[in-house]
Amino acid sequence: MAFLDTKRWLKDPRYAIRVAWATSIVVASITALLVTAGRVWPDPFGSIAPMSSLLDVVLVLGLGYGVRRQSRVCAVLLLTYWVIAKGEQMIQLHTGLRGDAVLIGFIFFVGARGTFRIHKLGQASGDDRFEPPPAAT
């Protein structure tokens, strides 16, 4: 079975959430790799990703983990963060919209849609959801 099985990906909310989680891991890993390459070999890779990009790694991983936990808030924040970050990158670098950014944005959108569908259908699993402790009496 292919990782991006589109029929299953667009119809099964749990699968869409897993794909969004895996994509956030890949995005964070590539960013961390570029930051490391820039620190180890500063001459050819120094300007690719500054150290401040490690904040991106933390945000994408944290919000991706929230999506894995079926959090609608984290899913919307991840999608919003991705769109704003890519918009800012396009403005700063004076470039157009890239295909990989559109694809990853679409994956995050389908993951966010999956979190909303899971809650609408009442299929949110108790194992992956945060349950607050009972109130002290």
N, C-alpha and C. Protein backbone atom coordinates (compact mmCIF):
# COMPACT_ATOMS: atom_id res chain seq x y z
N MET A 1 0.85 -1.18 0.00
CA MET A 1 0.00 0.00 0.00
C MET A 1 0.90 1.25 0.00
N ALA A 2 0.59 2.15 -0.86
CA ALA A 2 1.36 3.39 -0.98
C ALA A 2 1.09 4.29 0.22
N PHE A 3 2.09 5.10 0.56
CA PHE A 3 1.94 6.01 1.69
C PHE A 3 0.84 7.03 1.44
N LEU A 4 0.80 7.57 0.24
CA LEU A 4 -0.22 8.57 -0.09
C LEU A 4 -1.31 7.93 -0.95
N ASP A 5 -2.01 6.97 -0.39
CA ASP A 5 -3.14 6.34 -1.05
C ASP A 5 -4.28 7.37 -1.06
N THR A 6 -4.48 8.06 -2.19
CA THR A 6 -5.37 9.23 -2.21
C THR A 6 -6.81 8.89 -1.87
N LYS A 7 -7.29 7.75 -2.29
CA LYS A 7 -8.68 7.41 -1.96
C LYS A 7 -8.84 7.26 -0.45
N ARG A 8 -7.91 6.57 0.16
CA ARG A 8 -8.00 6.38 1.61
C ARG A 8 -7.65 7.68 2.34
N TRP A 9 -6.67 8.40 1.80
CA TRP A 9 -6.17 9.61 2.44
C TRP A 9 -7.25 10.68 2.53
N LEU A 10 -8.08 10.80 1.50
CA LEU A 10 -9.11 11.84 1.50
C LEU A 10 -10.38 11.42 2.22
N LYS A 11 -10.57 10.12 2.46
CA LYS A 11 -11.82 9.66 3.07
C LYS A 11 -11.67 9.17 4.50
N ASP A 12 -10.52 8.66 4.86
CA ASP A 12 -10.30 8.12 6.20
C ASP A 12 -9.62 9.17 7.06
N PRO A 13 -10.32 9.75 8.04
CA PRO A 13 -9.71 10.83 8.83
C PRO A 13 -8.50 10.39 9.63
N ARG A 14 -8.49 9.18 10.14
CA ARG A 14 -7.35 8.71 10.92
C ARG A 14 -6.09 8.61 10.05
N TYR A 15 -6.27 8.14 8.84
CA TYR A 15 -5.15 8.02 7.90
C TYR A 15 -4.63 9.41 7.53
N ALA A 16 -5.54 10.35 7.30
CA ALA A 16 -5.14 11.73 6.97
C ALA A 16 -4.35 12.35 8.12
N ILE A 17 -4.74 12.07 9.34
CA ILE A 17 -4.04 12.59 10.51
C ILE A 17 -2.63 11.99 10.58
N ARG A 18 -2.51 10.68 10.31
CA ARG A 18 -1.20 10.04 10.32
C ARG A 18 -0.29 10.61 9.23
N VAL A 19 -0.85 10.88 8.06
CA VAL A 19 -0.05 11.45 6.98
C VAL A 19 0.43 12.86 7.36
N ALA A 20 -0.43 13.66 7.98
CA ALA A 20 -0.04 15.00 8.41
C ALA A 20 1.05 14.93 9.48
N TRP A 21 0.93 13.98 10.40
CA TRP A 21 1.94 13.80 11.45
C TRP A 21 3.28 13.41 10.83
N ALA A 22 3.26 12.45 9.90
CA ALA A 22 4.49 12.02 9.25
C ALA A 22 5.12 13.15 8.44
N THR A 23 4.28 13.95 7.79
CA THR A 23 4.78 15.08 7.01
C THR A 23 5.43 16.12 7.91
N SER A 24 4.86 16.36 9.08
CA SER A 24 5.47 17.32 10.00
C SER A 24 6.84 16.82 10.48
N ILE A 25 6.98 15.51 10.66
CA ILE A 25 8.29 14.95 11.05
C ILE A 25 9.30 15.15 9.91
N VAL A 26 8.88 14.91 8.68
CA VAL A 26 9.78 15.08 7.53
C VAL A 26 10.19 16.55 7.38
N VAL A 27 9.24 17.46 7.49
CA VAL A 27 9.54 18.89 7.36
C VAL A 27 10.52 19.33 8.45
N ALA A 28 10.27 18.93 9.69
CA ALA A 28 11.15 19.30 10.79
C ALA A 28 12.54 18.68 10.62
N SER A 29 12.60 17.45 10.15
CA SER A 29 13.88 16.78 9.96
C SER A 29 14.71 17.48 8.88
N ILE A 30 14.08 17.84 7.78
CA ILE A 30 14.81 18.53 6.71
C ILE A 30 15.31 19.89 7.19
N THR A 31 14.49 20.61 7.93
CA THR A 31 14.90 21.91 8.46
C THR A 31 16.08 21.75 9.42
N ALA A 32 16.00 20.76 10.30
CA ALA A 32 17.10 20.52 11.25
C ALA A 32 18.37 20.11 10.51
N LEU A 33 18.23 19.33 9.46
CA LEU A 33 19.38 18.92 8.65
C LEU A 33 20.03 20.12 7.97
N LEU A 34 19.22 21.04 7.45
CA LEU A 34 19.77 22.23 6.79
C LEU A 34 20.46 23.15 7.79
N VAL A 35 19.90 23.27 9.00
CA VAL A 35 20.55 24.09 10.03
C VAL A 35 21.88 23.47 10.42
N THR A 36 21.90 22.15 10.58
CA THR A 36 23.15 21.46 10.93
C THR A 36 24.18 21.60 9.83
N ALA A 37 23.75 21.45 8.59
CA ALA A 37 24.69 21.61 7.47
C ALA A 37 25.24 23.02 7.43
N GLY A 38 24.43 24.01 7.74
CA GLY A 38 24.89 25.39 7.76
C GLY A 38 25.89 25.67 8.87
N ARG A 39 25.77 24.93 9.98
CA ARG A 39 26.72 25.12 11.08
C ARG A 39 28.02 24.36 10.83
N VAL A 40 27.92 23.17 10.23
CA VAL A 40 29.11 22.35 10.00
C VAL A 40 29.92 22.88 8.82
N TRP A 41 29.25 23.22 7.73
CA TRP A 41 29.91 23.75 6.53
C TRP A 41 29.38 25.15 6.26
N PRO A 42 29.88 26.15 6.96
CA PRO A 42 29.31 27.50 6.83
C PRO A 42 29.53 28.16 5.48
N ASP A 43 30.58 27.77 4.76
CA ASP A 43 30.84 28.42 3.48
C ASP A 43 29.74 28.12 2.45
N PRO A 44 29.48 26.87 2.12
CA PRO A 44 28.45 26.64 1.09
C PRO A 44 27.02 26.67 1.63
N PHE A 45 26.82 26.33 2.91
CA PHE A 45 25.45 26.18 3.42
C PHE A 45 25.07 27.21 4.47
N GLY A 46 25.90 28.18 4.75
CA GLY A 46 25.66 29.11 5.85
C GLY A 46 24.39 29.91 5.75
N SER A 47 23.98 30.29 4.56
CA SER A 47 22.81 31.16 4.44
C SER A 47 21.52 30.40 4.14
N ILE A 48 21.55 29.07 4.11
CA ILE A 48 20.34 28.32 3.79
C ILE A 48 19.34 28.38 4.93
N ALA A 49 19.77 28.04 6.13
CA ALA A 49 18.86 28.02 7.27
C ALA A 49 19.60 28.53 8.51
N PRO A 50 19.22 29.68 9.03
CA PRO A 50 19.89 30.20 10.22
C PRO A 50 19.50 29.40 11.46
N MET A 51 20.20 29.64 12.56
CA MET A 51 19.91 28.94 13.81
C MET A 51 18.48 29.21 14.29
N SER A 52 17.93 30.35 13.93
CA SER A 52 16.55 30.64 14.35
C SER A 52 15.55 29.67 13.73
N SER A 53 15.97 28.94 12.71
CA SER A 53 15.08 27.95 12.10
C SER A 53 14.82 26.77 13.02
N LEU A 54 15.62 26.63 14.07
CA LEU A 54 15.34 25.58 15.04
C LEU A 54 14.02 25.83 15.76
N LEU A 55 13.62 27.09 15.85
CA LEU A 55 12.29 27.40 16.40
C LEU A 55 11.21 26.82 15.49
N ASP A 56 11.41 26.86 14.19
CA ASP A 56 10.48 26.24 13.25
C ASP A 56 10.38 24.74 13.49
N VAL A 57 11.52 24.12 13.75
CA VAL A 57 11.53 22.68 14.00
C VAL A 57 10.67 22.35 15.22
N VAL A 58 10.87 23.11 16.29
CA VAL A 58 10.11 22.86 17.53
C VAL A 58 8.62 23.10 17.30
N LEU A 59 8.27 24.19 16.63
CA LEU A 59 6.86 24.48 16.38
C LEU A 59 6.19 23.43 15.51
N VAL A 60 6.84 23.04 14.42
CA VAL A 60 6.24 22.06 13.51
C VAL A 60 6.10 20.71 14.20
N LEU A 61 7.12 20.29 14.95
CA LEU A 61 7.02 19.02 15.66
C LEU A 61 5.95 19.06 16.75
N GLY A 62 5.92 20.14 17.51
CA GLY A 62 4.91 20.25 18.58
C GLY A 62 3.49 20.27 18.03
N LEU A 63 3.27 21.07 17.01
CA LEU A 63 1.93 21.14 16.43
C LEU A 63 1.58 19.84 15.69
N GLY A 64 2.57 19.22 15.06
CA GLY A 64 2.35 17.93 14.41
C GLY A 64 1.96 16.86 15.42
N TYR A 65 2.60 16.88 16.58
CA TYR A 65 2.23 15.94 17.63
C TYR A 65 0.80 16.20 18.11
N GLY A 66 0.43 17.48 18.18
CA GLY A 66 -0.96 17.81 18.53
C GLY A 66 -1.94 17.28 17.51
N VAL A 67 -1.58 17.33 16.24
CA VAL A 67 -2.44 16.77 15.19
C VAL A 67 -2.55 15.27 15.38
N ARG A 68 -1.44 14.61 15.70
CA ARG A 68 -1.47 13.17 15.95
C ARG A 68 -2.41 12.84 17.11
N ARG A 69 -2.48 13.74 18.08
CA ARG A 69 -3.38 13.55 19.22
C ARG A 69 -4.80 14.00 18.91
N GLN A 70 -5.08 14.30 17.66
CA GLN A 70 -6.40 14.66 17.14
C GLN A 70 -6.90 16.01 17.67
N SER A 71 -5.96 16.93 17.88
CA SER A 71 -6.31 18.26 18.36
C SER A 71 -6.67 19.16 17.18
N ARG A 72 -7.89 19.66 17.18
CA ARG A 72 -8.31 20.55 16.11
C ARG A 72 -7.55 21.87 16.17
N VAL A 73 -7.29 22.36 17.37
CA VAL A 73 -6.57 23.63 17.52
C VAL A 73 -5.16 23.51 16.94
N CYS A 74 -4.45 22.43 17.29
CA CYS A 74 -3.09 22.25 16.76
C CYS A 74 -3.11 22.09 15.24
N ALA A 75 -4.12 21.40 14.72
CA ALA A 75 -4.20 21.21 13.27
C ALA A 75 -4.38 22.54 12.55
N VAL A 76 -5.25 23.38 13.06
CA VAL A 76 -5.48 24.69 12.44
C VAL A 76 -4.25 25.58 12.61
N LEU A 77 -3.62 25.54 13.78
CA LEU A 77 -2.42 26.34 14.00
C LEU A 77 -1.27 25.88 13.09
N LEU A 78 -1.13 24.58 12.89
CA LEU A 78 -0.07 24.07 12.00
C LEU A 78 -0.30 24.54 10.57
N LEU A 79 -1.52 24.44 10.10
CA LEU A 79 -1.84 24.89 8.75
C LEU A 79 -1.62 26.40 8.62
N THR A 80 -2.08 27.16 9.59
CA THR A 80 -1.91 28.62 9.57
C THR A 80 -0.43 29.00 9.61
N TYR A 81 0.31 28.34 10.49
CA TYR A 81 1.75 28.62 10.59
C TYR A 81 2.45 28.32 9.26
N TRP A 82 2.09 27.22 8.63
CA TRP A 82 2.73 26.86 7.35
C TRP A 82 2.43 27.90 6.28
N VAL A 83 1.18 28.32 6.18
CA VAL A 83 0.80 29.30 5.15
C VAL A 83 1.50 30.64 5.40
N ILE A 84 1.53 31.09 6.66
CA ILE A 84 2.18 32.37 6.98
C ILE A 84 3.69 32.29 6.73
N ALA A 85 4.31 31.18 7.15
CA ALA A 85 5.76 31.03 6.98
C ALA A 85 6.13 31.00 5.49
N LYS A 86 5.35 30.29 4.69
CA LYS A 86 5.65 30.24 3.25
C LYS A 86 5.36 31.58 2.58
N GLY A 87 4.32 32.27 3.02
CA GLY A 87 4.04 33.61 2.48
C GLY A 87 5.16 34.58 2.79
N GLU A 88 5.65 34.54 4.03
CA GLU A 88 6.76 35.40 4.41
C GLU A 88 8.02 35.04 3.62
N GLN A 89 8.25 33.75 3.41
CA GLN A 89 9.41 33.32 2.64
C GLN A 89 9.33 33.81 1.20
N MET A 90 8.14 33.75 0.61
CA MET A 90 7.97 34.24 -0.76
C MET A 90 8.23 35.73 -0.85
N ILE A 91 7.78 36.48 0.14
CA ILE A 91 7.99 37.93 0.13
C ILE A 91 9.46 38.27 0.31
N GLN A 92 10.13 37.61 1.27
CA GLN A 92 11.53 37.92 1.54
C GLN A 92 12.45 37.51 0.40
N LEU A 93 12.17 36.37 -0.22
CA LEU A 93 13.05 35.88 -1.27
C LEU A 93 12.62 36.30 -2.67
N HIS A 94 11.49 37.00 -2.76
CA HIS A 94 10.95 37.46 -4.05
C HIS A 94 10.79 36.31 -5.02
N THR A 95 10.16 35.24 -4.53
CA THR A 95 9.92 34.06 -5.37
C THR A 95 8.42 33.81 -5.47
N GLY A 96 8.08 32.92 -6.36
CA GLY A 96 6.68 32.52 -6.50
C GLY A 96 6.37 31.33 -5.61
N LEU A 97 5.16 30.87 -5.73
CA LEU A 97 4.70 29.72 -4.95
C LEU A 97 5.35 28.45 -5.50
N ARG A 98 5.91 27.64 -4.61
CA ARG A 98 6.58 26.41 -5.02
C ARG A 98 5.65 25.23 -4.85
N GLY A 99 5.85 24.22 -5.66
CA GLY A 99 4.99 23.04 -5.64
C GLY A 99 5.07 22.26 -4.35
N ASP A 100 6.27 22.15 -3.77
CA ASP A 100 6.39 21.40 -2.52
C ASP A 100 5.65 22.10 -1.38
N ALA A 101 5.68 23.42 -1.36
CA ALA A 101 4.97 24.16 -0.32
C ALA A 101 3.46 23.96 -0.46
N VAL A 102 2.98 23.93 -1.70
CA VAL A 102 1.55 23.71 -1.94
C VAL A 102 1.15 22.30 -1.51
N LEU A 103 1.96 21.31 -1.86
CA LEU A 103 1.66 19.93 -1.49
C LEU A 103 1.64 19.74 0.02
N ILE A 104 2.64 20.27 0.71
CA ILE A 104 2.68 20.14 2.17
C ILE A 104 1.53 20.90 2.80
N GLY A 105 1.21 22.08 2.28
CA GLY A 105 0.05 22.82 2.78
C GLY A 105 -1.24 22.04 2.60
N PHE A 106 -1.37 21.37 1.47
CA PHE A 106 -2.57 20.56 1.22
C PHE A 106 -2.62 19.37 2.18
N ILE A 107 -1.48 18.75 2.45
CA ILE A 107 -1.44 17.64 3.41
C ILE A 107 -1.86 18.13 4.79
N PHE A 108 -1.36 19.28 5.21
CA PHE A 108 -1.76 19.82 6.51
C PHE A 108 -3.24 20.18 6.53
N PHE A 109 -3.77 20.67 5.40
CA PHE A 109 -5.19 20.98 5.30
C PHE A 109 -6.04 19.72 5.46
N VAL A 110 -5.65 18.65 4.76
CA VAL A 110 -6.40 17.40 4.86
C VAL A 110 -6.28 16.81 6.27
N GLY A 111 -5.13 16.98 6.90
CA GLY A 111 -4.99 16.53 8.29
C GLY A 111 -5.89 17.31 9.23
N ALA A 112 -5.98 18.63 9.02
CA ALA A 112 -6.88 19.45 9.84
C ALA A 112 -8.33 19.04 9.60
N ARG A 113 -8.65 18.81 8.35
CA ARG A 113 -10.00 18.35 8.02
C ARG A 113 -10.30 17.01 8.70
N GLY A 114 -9.29 16.15 8.74
CA GLY A 114 -9.46 14.85 9.40
C GLY A 114 -9.74 14.99 10.89
N THR A 115 -9.07 15.93 11.56
CA THR A 115 -9.34 16.11 12.98
C THR A 115 -10.77 16.58 13.21
N PHE A 116 -11.25 17.47 12.35
CA PHE A 116 -12.63 17.93 12.51
C PHE A 116 -13.63 16.81 12.20
N ARG A 117 -13.33 16.00 11.19
CA ARG A 117 -14.23 14.89 10.84
C ARG A 117 -14.27 13.84 11.94
N ILE A 118 -13.14 13.57 12.55
CA ILE A 118 -13.10 12.58 13.64
C ILE A 118 -13.99 13.02 14.79
N HIS A 119 -13.92 14.29 15.13
CA HIS A 119 -14.73 14.79 16.24
C HIS A 119 -16.20 14.87 15.85
N LYS A 120 -16.47 15.21 14.61
CA LYS A 120 -17.86 15.29 14.15
C LYS A 120 -18.51 13.91 14.14
N LEU A 121 -17.75 12.90 13.73
CA LEU A 121 -18.27 11.54 13.67
C LEU A 121 -18.25 10.86 15.05
N GLY A 122 -17.65 11.51 16.03
CA GLY A 122 -17.59 10.93 17.37
C GLY A 122 -16.63 9.77 17.48
N GLN A 123 -15.60 9.75 16.65
CA GLN A 123 -14.66 8.65 16.64
C GLN A 123 -13.36 8.98 17.34
N ALA A 124 -13.30 10.07 18.05
CA ALA A 124 -12.06 10.44 18.72
C ALA A 124 -11.73 9.38 19.76
N SER A 125 -10.52 8.84 19.68
CA SER A 125 -10.16 7.76 20.58
C SER A 125 -9.77 8.30 21.94
N GLY A 126 -10.15 7.58 22.94
CA GLY A 126 -9.82 7.98 24.30
C GLY A 126 -8.35 7.80 24.62
N ASP A 127 -7.68 6.87 23.92
CA ASP A 127 -6.27 6.61 24.20
C ASP A 127 -5.39 7.77 23.79
N ASP A 128 -5.72 8.42 22.69
CA ASP A 128 -4.88 9.50 22.18
C ASP A 128 -5.34 10.88 22.59
N ARG A 129 -6.42 10.98 23.28
CA ARG A 129 -6.95 12.28 23.66
C ARG A 129 -6.55 12.63 25.08
N PHE A 130 -6.30 13.88 25.35
CA PHE A 130 -5.97 14.36 26.69
C PHE A 130 -7.25 14.48 27.50
N GLU A 131 -7.27 13.84 28.61
CA GLU A 131 -8.42 13.95 29.52
C GLU A 131 -7.95 14.71 30.75
N PRO A 132 -8.57 15.86 31.04
CA PRO A 132 -8.15 16.61 32.22
C PRO A 132 -8.49 15.83 33.49
N PRO A 133 -7.71 16.03 34.54
CA PRO A 133 -8.00 15.32 35.77
C PRO A 133 -9.33 15.79 36.36
N PRO A 134 -9.94 14.96 37.16
CA PRO A 134 -11.22 15.39 37.77
C PRO A 134 -10.99 16.55 38.73
N ALA A 135 -11.98 17.38 38.86
CA ALA A 135 -11.88 18.55 39.72
C ALA A 135 -11.78 18.11 41.18
N ALA A 136 -10.96 18.82 41.91
CA ALA A 136 -10.81 18.52 43.34
C ALA A 136 -12.04 19.00 44.08
N THR A 137 -12.51 18.17 44.99
CA THR A 137 -13.70 18.56 45.78
C THR A 137 -13.37 18.77 47.20
